[in-house]
Amino acid sequence: KAKITGELLLSQRKLVEERRAVEAAAAELRRLRQQVDEERGQRREVEEGRDRLASEVEALRAERRELQELQAAHEELQRRHESADAELQARLTRCLQLEALQEELRAEVGRAAETHRRASQQHSELLTRARQAQERAERLEQLVAEAERDAERAGEEEARLRREACHYCRTGSSATSHVCP
């Protein structure tokens, strides 16, 4: 009986030790399962974080492409702006040149108007002088015509007087028979 009791006690001790070992193993298993669950949770979180980061990376890549496109568009707009600015400066310069030319032309038009006014005045004066000269010429022509008529009459009178005068004594005689003195 003592042997059985000893074996029983030994068996109980082994059972208690095995229970303690099982309980320790169960506790270790629970702890390991808890660690595995925690690690699975962490892994899920990490995977979710990785997926979130991958999504963010894709979004950042898309934003980078968009940024590059915007930068290219910005550079093109800058080139256009510089070109437009250069064209504006050229047009402004041309405008200033045209304004200066316009002022010169206005001055020239003023001078031309003054010259035209003087020329018109001189023309009027010349027309007046020409009209006066024409009138004088006409009067002179009338006087010349009268003088020619008077000269012709005088010539006729002289011829008549010659015909009537004696050829030798040069005295006038209206008779057909004349006696010289």
C-alpha atoms as a PDB file:
ATOM      1  CA  LYS A   1       0.000   0.000   0.000  1.00  0.00           C
ATOM      2  CA  ALA A   2       2.833   2.319   0.719  1.00  0.00           C
ATOM      3  CA  LYS A   3       4.211   1.542  -2.645  1.00  0.00           C
ATOM      4  CA  ILE A   4       0.905   2.321  -4.277  1.00  0.00           C
ATOM      5  CA  THR A   5       0.543   5.353  -2.115  1.00  0.00           C
ATOM      6  CA  GLY A   6       4.074   6.392  -3.109  1.00  0.00           C
ATOM      7  CA  GLU A   7       3.273   5.758  -6.749  1.00  0.00           C
ATOM      8  CA  LEU A   8      -0.009   7.501  -6.330  1.00  0.00           C
ATOM      9  CA  LEU A   9       1.719  10.420  -4.702  1.00  0.00           C
ATOM     10  CA  LEU A  10       4.331  10.338  -7.420  1.00  0.00           C
ATOM     11  CA  SER A  11       1.598  10.103 -10.016  1.00  0.00           C
ATOM     12  CA  GLN A  12      -0.239  12.958  -8.341  1.00  0.00           C
ATOM     13  CA  ARG A  13       2.929  14.958  -8.214  1.00  0.00           C
ATOM     14  CA  LYS A  14       3.581  14.202 -11.886  1.00  0.00           C
ATOM     15  CA  LEU A  15      -0.047  14.985 -12.601  1.00  0.00           C
ATOM     16  CA  VAL A  16       0.257  18.262 -10.714  1.00  0.00           C
ATOM     17  CA  GLU A  17       3.548  18.959 -12.486  1.00  0.00           C
ATOM     18  CA  GLU A  18       2.036  17.991 -15.803  1.00  0.00           C
ATOM     19  CA  ARG A  19      -1.035  20.090 -14.955  1.00  0.00           C
ATOM     20  CA  ARG A  20       1.280  22.938 -14.074  1.00  0.00           C
ATOM     21  CA  ALA A  21       3.231  22.227 -17.264  1.00  0.00           C
ATOM     22  CA  VAL A  22      -0.048  22.030 -19.227  1.00  0.00           C
ATOM     23  CA  GLU A  23      -1.294  25.144 -17.505  1.00  0.00           C
ATOM     24  CA  ALA A  24       2.044  26.797 -18.168  1.00  0.00           C
ATOM     25  CA  ALA A  25       1.930  25.495 -21.763  1.00  0.00           C
ATOM     26  CA  ALA A  26      -1.725  26.641 -22.000  1.00  0.00           C
ATOM     27  CA  ALA A  27      -0.722  30.003 -20.565  1.00  0.00           C
ATOM     28  CA  GLU A  28       2.235  30.067 -22.967  1.00  0.00           C
ATOM     29  CA  LEU A  29      -0.130  29.021 -25.775  1.00  0.00           C
ATOM     30  CA  ARG A  30      -2.588  31.772 -24.791  1.00  0.00           C
ATOM     31  CA  ARG A  31       0.258  34.218 -24.579  1.00  0.00           C
ATOM     32  CA  LEU A  32       1.571  33.027 -27.960  1.00  0.00           C
ATOM     33  CA  ARG A  33      -1.947  33.128 -29.434  1.00  0.00           C
ATOM     34  CA  GLN A  34      -2.366  36.591 -28.007  1.00  0.00           C
ATOM     35  CA  GLN A  35       0.999  37.566 -29.503  1.00  0.00           C
ATOM     36  CA  VAL A  36      -0.026  35.961 -32.809  1.00  0.00           C
ATOM     37  CA  ASP A  37      -3.342  37.839 -32.650  1.00  0.00           C
ATOM     38  CA  GLU A  38      -1.490  41.028 -31.797  1.00  0.00           C
ATOM     39  CA  GLU A  39       1.002  40.375 -34.578  1.00  0.00           C
ATOM     40  CA  ARG A  40      -1.859  39.596 -36.975  1.00  0.00           C
ATOM     41  CA  GLY A  41      -3.500  42.863 -35.912  1.00  0.00           C
ATOM     42  CA  GLN A  42      -0.199  44.636 -36.363  1.00  0.00           C
ATOM     43  CA  ARG A  43       0.270  42.875 -39.702  1.00  0.00           C
ATOM     44  CA  ARG A  44      -3.235  43.950 -40.771  1.00  0.00           C
ATOM     45  CA  GLU A  45      -2.445  47.488 -39.640  1.00  0.00           C
ATOM     46  CA  VAL A  46       0.898  47.349 -41.459  1.00  0.00           C
ATOM     47  CA  GLU A  47      -0.772  45.912 -44.579  1.00  0.00           C
ATOM     48  CA  GLU A  48      -3.490  48.559 -44.355  1.00  0.00           C
ATOM     49  CA  GLY A  49      -0.792  51.178 -43.859  1.00  0.00           C
ATOM     50  CA  ARG A  50       1.133  49.716 -46.808  1.00  0.00           C
ATOM     51  CA  ASP A  51      -2.035  49.742 -48.932  1.00  0.00           C
ATOM     52  CA  ARG A  52      -2.783  53.285 -47.763  1.00  0.00           C
ATOM     53  CA  LEU A  53       0.803  54.299 -48.534  1.00  0.00           C
ATOM     54  CA  ALA A  54       0.596  52.568 -51.940  1.00  0.00           C
ATOM     55  CA  SER A  55      -2.603  54.515 -52.620  1.00  0.00           C
ATOM     56  CA  GLU A  56      -0.906  57.684 -51.446  1.00  0.00           C
ATOM     57  CA  VAL A  57       2.120  56.866 -53.604  1.00  0.00           C
ATOM     58  CA  GLU A  58      -0.170  56.426 -56.641  1.00  0.00           C
ATOM     59  CA  ALA A  59      -1.957  59.650 -55.747  1.00  0.00           C
ATOM     60  CA  LEU A  60       1.402  61.383 -55.326  1.00  0.00           C
ATOM     61  CA  ARG A  61       2.581  59.996 -58.680  1.00  0.00           C
ATOM     62  CA  ALA A  62      -0.606  61.270 -60.311  1.00  0.00           C
ATOM     63  CA  GLU A  63      -0.131  64.626 -58.586  1.00  0.00           C
ATOM     64  CA  ARG A  64       3.514  64.647 -59.686  1.00  0.00           C
ATOM     65  CA  ARG A  65       2.476  64.036 -63.308  1.00  0.00           C
ATOM     66  CA  GLU A  66      -0.135  66.756 -62.943  1.00  0.00           C
ATOM     67  CA  LEU A  67       2.488  69.042 -61.390  1.00  0.00           C
ATOM     68  CA  GLN A  68       4.868  68.337 -64.273  1.00  0.00           C
ATOM     69  CA  GLU A  69       2.090  69.071 -66.753  1.00  0.00           C
ATOM     70  CA  LEU A  70       1.257  72.256 -64.852  1.00  0.00           C
ATOM     71  CA  GLN A  71       4.932  73.240 -64.811  1.00  0.00           C
ATOM     72  CA  ALA A  72       5.158  72.647 -68.571  1.00  0.00           C
ATOM     73  CA  ALA A  73       1.955  74.664 -69.065  1.00  0.00           C
ATOM     74  CA  HIS A  74       3.341  77.352 -66.754  1.00  0.00           C
ATOM     75  CA  GLU A  75       6.594  77.506 -68.715  1.00  0.00           C
ATOM     76  CA  GLU A  76       4.626  77.721 -71.971  1.00  0.00           C
ATOM     77  CA  LEU A  77       2.502  80.499 -70.497  1.00  0.00           C
ATOM     78  CA  GLN A  78       5.671  82.276 -69.355  1.00  0.00           C
ATOM     79  CA  ARG A  79       7.088  82.006 -72.881  1.00  0.00           C
ATOM     80  CA  ARG A  80       3.819  83.314 -74.286  1.00  0.00           C
ATOM     81  CA  HIS A  81       3.805  86.104 -71.722  1.00  0.00           C
ATOM     82  CA  GLU A  82       7.382  87.052 -72.582  1.00  0.00           C
ATOM     83  CA  SER A  83       6.528  86.919 -76.280  1.00  0.00           C
ATOM     84  CA  ALA A  84       3.387  88.990 -75.741  1.00  0.00           C
ATOM     85  CA  ASP A  85       5.358  91.409 -73.583  1.00  0.00           C
ATOM     86  CA  ALA A  86       8.027  91.748 -76.275  1.00  0.00           C
ATOM     87  CA  GLU A  87       5.315  92.258 -78.898  1.00  0.00           C
ATOM     88  CA  LEU A  88       3.635  94.814 -76.648  1.00  0.00           C
ATOM     89  CA  GLN A  89       6.932  96.665 -76.212  1.00  0.00           C
ATOM     90  CA  ALA A  90       7.457  96.597 -79.995  1.00  0.00           C
ATOM     91  CA  ARG A  91       3.926  97.887 -80.549  1.00  0.00           C
ATOM     92  CA  LEU A  92       4.420 100.554 -77.900  1.00  0.00           C
ATOM     93  CA  THR A  93       7.637 101.641 -79.594  1.00  0.00           C
ATOM     94  CA  ARG A  94       5.869 101.637 -82.974  1.00  0.00           C
ATOM     95  CA  CYS A  95       2.987 103.596 -81.447  1.00  0.00           C
ATOM     96  CA  LEU A  96       5.395 106.205 -80.093  1.00  0.00           C
ATOM     97  CA  GLN A  97       7.085 106.394 -83.487  1.00  0.00           C
ATOM     98  CA  LEU A  98       3.701 106.788 -85.179  1.00  0.00           C
ATOM     99  CA  GLU A  99       2.711 109.497 -82.712  1.00  0.00           C
ATOM    100  CA  ALA A 100       5.945 111.363 -83.426  1.00  0.00           C
ATOM    101  CA  LEU A 101       5.365 110.913 -87.156  1.00  0.00           C
ATOM    102  CA  GLN A 102       1.791 112.090 -86.707  1.00  0.00           C
ATOM    103  CA  GLU A 103       3.038 115.236 -84.965  1.00  0.00           C
ATOM    104  CA  GLU A 104       5.527 115.799 -87.789  1.00  0.00           C
ATOM    105  CA  LEU A 105       2.751 115.290 -90.341  1.00  0.00           C
ATOM    106  CA  ARG A 106       0.476 117.695 -88.457  1.00  0.00           C
ATOM    107  CA  ALA A 107       3.238 120.283 -88.491  1.00  0.00           C
ATOM    108  CA  GLU A 108       3.845 119.597 -92.189  1.00  0.00           C
ATOM    109  CA  VAL A 109       0.096 119.824 -92.889  1.00  0.00           C
ATOM    110  CA  GLY A 110       0.055 123.133 -91.005  1.00  0.00           C
ATOM    111  CA  ARG A 111       2.964 124.385 -93.079  1.00  0.00           C
ATOM    112  CA  ALA A 112       1.312 123.088 -96.250  1.00  0.00           C
ATOM    113  CA  ALA A 113      -1.972 124.775 -95.279  1.00  0.00           C
ATOM    114  CA  GLU A 114      -0.117 128.035 -94.657  1.00  0.00           C
ATOM    115  CA  THR A 115       1.747 127.635 -97.959  1.00  0.00           C
ATOM    116  CA  HIS A 116      -1.553 126.863 -99.690  1.00  0.00           C
ATOM    117  CA  ARG A 117      -3.180 129.879 -98.081  1.00  0.00           C
ATOM    118  CA  ARG A 118      -0.299 132.096 -99.228  1.00  0.00           C
ATOM    119  CA  ALA A 119      -0.340 130.494-102.671  1.00  0.00           C
ATOM    120  CA  SER A 120      -4.115 131.006-102.872  1.00  0.00           C
ATOM    121  CA  GLN A 121      -3.660 134.604-101.817  1.00  0.00           C
ATOM    122  CA  GLN A 122      -0.876 135.072-104.391  1.00  0.00           C
ATOM    123  CA  HIS A 123      -3.038 133.328-106.977  1.00  0.00           C
ATOM    124  CA  SER A 124      -5.906 135.702-106.189  1.00  0.00           C
ATOM    125  CA  GLU A 125      -3.544 138.651-106.410  1.00  0.00           C
ATOM    126  CA  LEU A 126      -2.144 137.326-109.700  1.00  0.00           C
ATOM    127  CA  LEU A 127      -5.665 136.806-111.048  1.00  0.00           C
ATOM    128  CA  THR A 128      -6.520 140.351-110.040  1.00  0.00           C
ATOM    129  CA  ARG A 129      -3.340 141.658-111.687  1.00  0.00           C
ATOM    130  CA  ALA A 130      -3.990 139.536-114.771  1.00  0.00           C
ATOM    131  CA  ARG A 131      -7.551 140.855-114.951  1.00  0.00           C
ATOM    132  CA  GLN A 132      -6.267 144.407-114.520  1.00  0.00           C
ATOM    133  CA  ALA A 133      -3.552 143.773-117.137  1.00  0.00           C
ATOM    134  CA  GLN A 134      -6.195 142.272-119.456  1.00  0.00           C
ATOM    135  CA  GLU A 135      -8.379 145.343-118.942  1.00  0.00           C
ATOM    136  CA  ARG A 136      -5.386 147.643-119.608  1.00  0.00           C
ATOM    137  CA  ALA A 137      -4.486 145.580-122.656  1.00  0.00           C
ATOM    138  CA  GLU A 138      -8.041 145.853-123.915  1.00  0.00           C
ATOM    139  CA  ARG A 139      -7.996 149.646-123.323  1.00  0.00           C
ATOM    140  CA  LEU A 140      -4.628 149.870-125.034  1.00  0.00           C
ATOM    141  CA  GLU A 141      -5.964 147.772-127.898  1.00  0.00           C
ATOM    142  CA  GLN A 142      -8.913 150.169-128.099  1.00  0.00           C
ATOM    143  CA  LEU A 143      -6.523 153.123-127.999  1.00  0.00           C
ATOM    144  CA  VAL A 144      -4.303 151.461-130.623  1.00  0.00           C
ATOM    145  CA  ALA A 145      -7.372 150.747-132.750  1.00  0.00           C
ATOM    146  CA  GLU A 146      -8.488 154.376-132.348  1.00  0.00           C
ATOM    147  CA  ALA A 147      -4.960 155.591-133.067  1.00  0.00           C
ATOM    148  CA  GLU A 148      -4.836 153.353-136.144  1.00  0.00           C
ATOM    149  CA  ARG A 149      -8.203 154.704-137.262  1.00  0.00           C
ATOM    150  CA  ASP A 150      -7.008 158.240-136.544  1.00  0.00           C
ATOM    151  CA  ALA A 151      -3.761 157.478-138.399  1.00  0.00           C
ATOM    152  CA  GLU A 152      -5.720 156.016-141.277  1.00  0.00           C
ATOM    153  CA  ARG A 153      -7.988 159.044-141.303  1.00  0.00           C
ATOM    154  CA  ALA A 154      -4.963 161.285-141.095  1.00  0.00           C
ATOM    155  CA  GLY A 155      -3.372 159.295-143.941  1.00  0.00           C
ATOM    156  CA  GLU A 156      -6.530 159.625-145.948  1.00  0.00           C
ATOM    157  CA  GLU A 157      -6.706 163.297-145.103  1.00  0.00           C
ATOM    158  CA  GLU A 158      -3.058 163.716-146.078  1.00  0.00           C
ATOM    159  CA  ALA A 159      -3.642 161.866-149.318  1.00  0.00           C
ATOM    160  CA  ARG A 160      -6.652 163.973-150.018  1.00  0.00           C
ATOM    161  CA  LEU A 161      -4.714 167.085-149.202  1.00  0.00           C
ATOM    162  CA  ARG A 162      -1.919 165.913-151.450  1.00  0.00           C
ATOM    163  CA  ARG A 163      -4.288 165.267-154.179  1.00  0.00           C
ATOM    164  CA  GLU A 164      -5.726 168.684-153.719  1.00  0.00           C
ATOM    165  CA  ALA A 165      -2.382 170.456-153.316  1.00  0.00           C
ATOM    166  CA  CYS A 166      -0.394 171.728-156.225  1.00  0.00           C
ATOM    167  CA  HIS A 167       2.358 169.499-157.111  1.00  0.00           C
ATOM    168  CA  TYR A 168       4.824 172.346-157.566  1.00  0.00           C
ATOM    169  CA  CYS A 169       4.018 174.909-154.946  1.00  0.00           C
ATOM    170  CA  ARG A 170       2.392 172.685-152.459  1.00  0.00           C
ATOM    171  CA  THR A 171      -0.457 174.962-151.738  1.00  0.00           C
ATOM    172  CA  GLY A 172      -3.896 173.706-151.495  1.00  0.00           C
ATOM    173  CA  SER A 173      -6.111 174.035-154.416  1.00  0.00           C
ATOM    174  CA  SER A 174      -9.551 172.753-154.782  1.00  0.00           C
ATOM    175  CA  ALA A 175      -9.960 173.980-158.274  1.00  0.00           C
ATOM    176  CA  THR A 176      -9.053 172.041-161.238  1.00  0.00           C
ATOM    177  CA  SER A 177      -7.091 174.846-162.684  1.00  0.00           C
ATOM    178  CA  HIS A 178      -4.569 176.268-160.332  1.00  0.00           C
ATOM    179  CA  VAL A 179      -2.024 179.042-160.909  1.00  0.00           C
ATOM    180  CA  CYS A 180       1.136 178.728-158.922  1.00  0.00           C
ATOM    181  CA  PRO A 181       2.270 182.084-157.386  1.00  0.00           C
END
